[in-house]
Amino acid sequence: MRIIGKASLVGVAVSVTAMFVASEALHSQETGFDHSSLMGDGPASSVLGDCVTCHTDASVLPDAHVPATGMSLTECRACHSPETTLSLRGTMPLDHSHALAGVGCASCHGNDDAATMSEPATQVCQACHGSLDELAAATADVMPTNPHSSPHGAPYTECSLCHMQHEPSQNFCASCHDFEFDLP
């Protein structure tokens, strides 16, 4: 069993924040996409369902897919419900889901300057997704154990330990335990 102290987790949070800023800058250079359309505190409506706004070099949708321009997350889930084999769960970064739901960057990051954005605190996530107790109740039947009911307490309940916005989510519990979770 690997033990991780609070100081290590602070270091992880600082590293994750630095990686976020660096990866966003590199992503902007690689794609040539100006993320300013996602900034601000309102809906990210300029990119709703318009995958080619960011993904200019390759189609991310299958050829037979219905036109998605202007679709919201609710409309996408008409076919891609999380309970079906067509679920998008785990196939696209959470920032895509947030943008499709009309949540702009500043809604979570507090500002619209990508160079100074930092990782949102767990309280920011809980403002929309509910308290840790509510999340634990919603995931009470998850096996082998409830991922939102950690016996370790804070800081092991920070949302960003598992749920990454701009890269695939990670099973933080698996760094010490043999738990396998299906992460959004």
Protein backbone atom coordinates (compact mmCIF):
# COMPACT_ATOMS: atom_id res chain seq x y z
CA MET A 1 0.00 0.00 0.00
CA ARG A 2 1.38 3.39 -0.95
CA ILE A 3 0.81 6.22 1.55
CA ILE A 4 0.50 9.76 0.22
CA GLY A 5 0.80 12.67 2.62
CA LYS A 6 -0.89 16.06 2.49
CA ALA A 7 2.31 17.76 1.35
CA SER A 8 2.47 15.35 -1.60
CA LEU A 9 -1.10 16.17 -2.55
CA VAL A 10 -0.36 19.90 -2.45
CA GLY A 11 2.53 19.22 -4.78
CA VAL A 12 0.22 17.20 -7.04
CA ALA A 13 -2.29 20.09 -7.14
CA VAL A 14 0.46 22.60 -8.04
CA SER A 15 1.81 20.22 -10.69
CA VAL A 16 -1.65 19.61 -12.15
CA THR A 17 -2.26 23.38 -12.34
CA ALA A 18 1.07 23.94 -14.08
CA MET A 19 0.38 21.05 -16.47
CA PHE A 20 -3.06 22.53 -17.24
CA VAL A 21 -1.63 25.93 -18.21
CA ALA A 22 1.18 24.33 -20.25
CA SER A 23 -1.11 21.82 -21.97
CA GLU A 24 -3.63 24.52 -22.90
CA ALA A 25 -0.85 26.65 -24.43
CA LEU A 26 0.54 23.65 -26.36
CA HIS A 27 -2.96 22.61 -27.44
CA SER A 28 -3.61 26.12 -28.78
CA GLN A 29 -0.33 26.07 -30.70
CA GLU A 30 -1.00 22.62 -32.16
CA THR A 31 -4.58 23.25 -33.22
CA GLY A 32 -4.40 26.94 -33.97
CA PHE A 33 -7.73 27.25 -32.14
CA ASP A 34 -8.36 30.47 -30.24
CA HIS A 35 -10.00 29.40 -26.99
CA SER A 36 -11.42 32.88 -26.42
CA SER A 37 -14.78 31.69 -27.76
CA LEU A 38 -15.03 29.46 -24.70
CA MET A 39 -13.98 32.13 -22.25
CA GLY A 40 -16.32 34.25 -20.23
CA ASP A 41 -19.01 33.33 -17.80
CA GLY A 42 -21.81 32.50 -20.20
CA PRO A 43 -22.59 29.60 -22.48
CA ALA A 44 -19.90 28.24 -24.72
CA SER A 45 -22.46 28.38 -27.49
CA SER A 46 -20.03 29.23 -30.27
CA VAL A 47 -18.74 25.65 -30.31
CA LEU A 48 -21.85 23.68 -29.38
CA GLY A 49 -21.76 20.53 -31.46
CA ASP A 50 -19.41 22.14 -33.96
CA CYS A 51 -16.50 19.76 -33.54
CA VAL A 52 -14.60 21.19 -36.52
CA THR A 53 -14.27 24.52 -34.69
CA CYS A 54 -11.44 22.88 -32.74
CA HIS A 55 -10.80 19.62 -34.59
CA THR A 56 -9.91 21.15 -37.96
CA ASP A 57 -7.59 18.45 -39.29
CA ALA A 58 -9.77 15.37 -38.82
CA SER A 59 -13.38 14.46 -38.39
CA VAL A 60 -14.15 13.23 -34.89
CA LEU A 61 -17.60 12.00 -35.87
CA PRO A 62 -18.29 8.91 -37.98
CA ASP A 63 -19.32 9.54 -41.59
CA ALA A 64 -22.92 8.39 -40.95
CA HIS A 65 -23.37 10.63 -37.89
CA VAL A 66 -26.24 13.10 -37.99
CA PRO A 67 -25.18 16.75 -38.32
CA ALA A 68 -24.13 17.88 -34.83
CA THR A 69 -23.61 21.61 -35.34
CA GLY A 70 -25.55 23.47 -32.66
CA MET A 71 -26.31 20.37 -30.60
CA SER A 72 -26.29 20.65 -26.83
CA LEU A 73 -25.23 17.91 -24.43
CA THR A 74 -28.89 17.03 -23.86
CA GLU A 75 -29.39 16.56 -27.59
CA CYS A 76 -26.23 14.44 -27.86
CA ARG A 77 -27.48 12.24 -25.03
CA ALA A 78 -30.69 11.48 -26.94
CA CYS A 79 -28.55 8.80 -28.62
CA HIS A 80 -25.49 8.74 -26.38
CA SER A 81 -27.17 8.14 -23.02
CA PRO A 82 -24.68 7.18 -20.29
CA GLU A 83 -26.59 3.92 -19.76
CA THR A 84 -26.16 2.69 -23.35
CA THR A 85 -23.38 1.16 -25.42
CA LEU A 86 -23.30 4.43 -27.38
CA SER A 87 -22.35 6.36 -24.24
CA LEU A 88 -19.69 9.02 -24.64
CA ARG A 89 -18.58 8.44 -21.02
CA GLY A 90 -14.81 8.29 -20.91
CA THR A 91 -14.43 8.95 -24.66
CA MET A 92 -14.08 12.72 -24.55
CA PRO A 93 -12.57 15.05 -21.96
CA LEU A 94 -14.96 16.53 -19.40
CA ASP A 95 -14.32 20.05 -20.71
CA HIS A 96 -16.13 18.94 -23.90
CA SER A 97 -19.16 17.86 -21.85
CA HIS A 98 -19.12 21.14 -19.97
CA ALA A 99 -18.91 23.17 -23.21
CA LEU A 100 -21.76 21.16 -24.74
CA ALA A 101 -23.77 21.88 -21.57
CA GLY A 102 -23.14 25.60 -22.11
CA VAL A 103 -20.61 26.03 -19.31
CA GLY A 104 -17.82 28.46 -20.25
CA CYS A 105 -14.29 28.31 -18.83
CA ALA A 106 -14.73 31.25 -16.44
CA SER A 107 -17.71 29.52 -14.85
CA CYS A 108 -15.31 27.08 -13.22
CA HIS A 109 -11.93 28.80 -13.44
CA GLY A 110 -13.15 32.21 -12.29
CA ASN A 111 -11.53 34.25 -15.06
CA ASP A 112 -11.10 34.28 -18.79
CA ASP A 113 -7.31 34.50 -18.99
CA ALA A 114 -6.00 31.04 -19.91
CA ALA A 115 -2.47 31.98 -18.78
CA THR A 116 -3.60 32.59 -15.20
CA MET A 117 -6.34 29.97 -14.83
CA SER A 118 -5.93 27.49 -12.04
CA GLU A 119 -7.56 24.24 -11.13
CA PRO A 120 -11.02 24.83 -9.65
CA ALA A 121 -11.50 24.00 -5.99
CA THR A 122 -13.80 21.11 -5.10
CA GLN A 123 -16.37 23.64 -3.85
CA VAL A 124 -16.68 24.99 -7.41
CA CYS A 125 -17.54 21.50 -8.68
CA GLN A 126 -19.99 20.97 -5.83
CA ALA A 127 -21.88 24.16 -6.71
CA CYS A 128 -23.29 22.31 -9.74
CA HIS A 129 -22.74 18.63 -8.99
CA GLY A 130 -23.84 18.60 -5.33
CA SER A 131 -22.13 18.12 -2.01
CA LEU A 132 -19.87 15.15 -1.30
CA ASP A 133 -22.72 13.60 0.72
CA GLU A 134 -25.07 13.98 -2.27
CA LEU A 135 -22.47 12.51 -4.63
CA ALA A 136 -21.86 9.62 -2.22
CA ALA A 137 -25.60 8.93 -2.13
CA ALA A 138 -25.79 8.97 -5.94
CA THR A 139 -22.89 6.49 -6.24
CA ALA A 140 -23.80 4.31 -3.26
CA ASP A 141 -24.19 1.20 -5.43
CA VAL A 142 -20.85 1.54 -7.24
CA MET A 143 -18.67 -1.50 -6.71
CA PRO A 144 -16.25 -2.46 -5.28
CA THR A 145 -16.70 0.59 -3.06
CA ASN A 146 -18.26 4.03 -3.22
CA PRO A 147 -15.65 6.37 -4.76
CA HIS A 148 -17.29 9.46 -3.20
CA SER A 149 -17.33 8.06 0.33
CA SER A 150 -13.64 7.92 1.17
CA PRO A 151 -12.77 6.82 4.68
CA HIS A 152 -9.57 8.85 4.28
CA GLY A 153 -11.35 12.23 4.27
CA ALA A 154 -9.87 15.45 2.91
CA PRO A 155 -7.73 15.95 0.87
CA TYR A 156 -8.56 12.53 -0.64
CA THR A 157 -11.99 13.73 -1.71
CA GLU A 158 -10.82 16.51 -4.02
CA CYS A 159 -12.71 16.17 -7.31
CA SER A 160 -9.61 16.84 -9.41
CA LEU A 161 -7.77 13.83 -8.03
CA CYS A 162 -9.84 11.69 -10.40
CA HIS A 163 -11.89 13.94 -12.65
CA MET A 164 -9.63 15.73 -15.13
CA GLN A 165 -11.18 18.33 -17.37
CA HIS A 166 -8.66 18.62 -20.18
CA GLU A 167 -7.28 15.09 -20.31
CA PRO A 168 -8.60 11.62 -19.52
CA SER A 169 -9.80 11.16 -15.95
CA GLN A 170 -7.74 8.93 -13.65
CA ASN A 171 -8.62 6.45 -10.94
CA PHE A 172 -6.70 8.03 -8.04
CA CYS A 173 -7.87 5.27 -5.67
CA ALA A 174 -5.96 2.75 -7.78
CA SER A 175 -2.67 4.33 -6.72
CA CYS A 176 -3.11 2.43 -3.42
CA HIS A 177 -6.05 0.06 -3.97
CA ASP A 178 -7.14 -2.50 -6.56
CA PHE A 179 -10.35 -0.61 -7.31
CA GLU A 180 -11.51 -0.27 -10.89
CA PHE A 181 -14.00 2.50 -11.59
CA ASP A 182 -15.69 3.66 -14.80
CA LEU A 183 -14.77 7.35 -14.67
CA PRO A 184 -16.56 10.07 -16.59
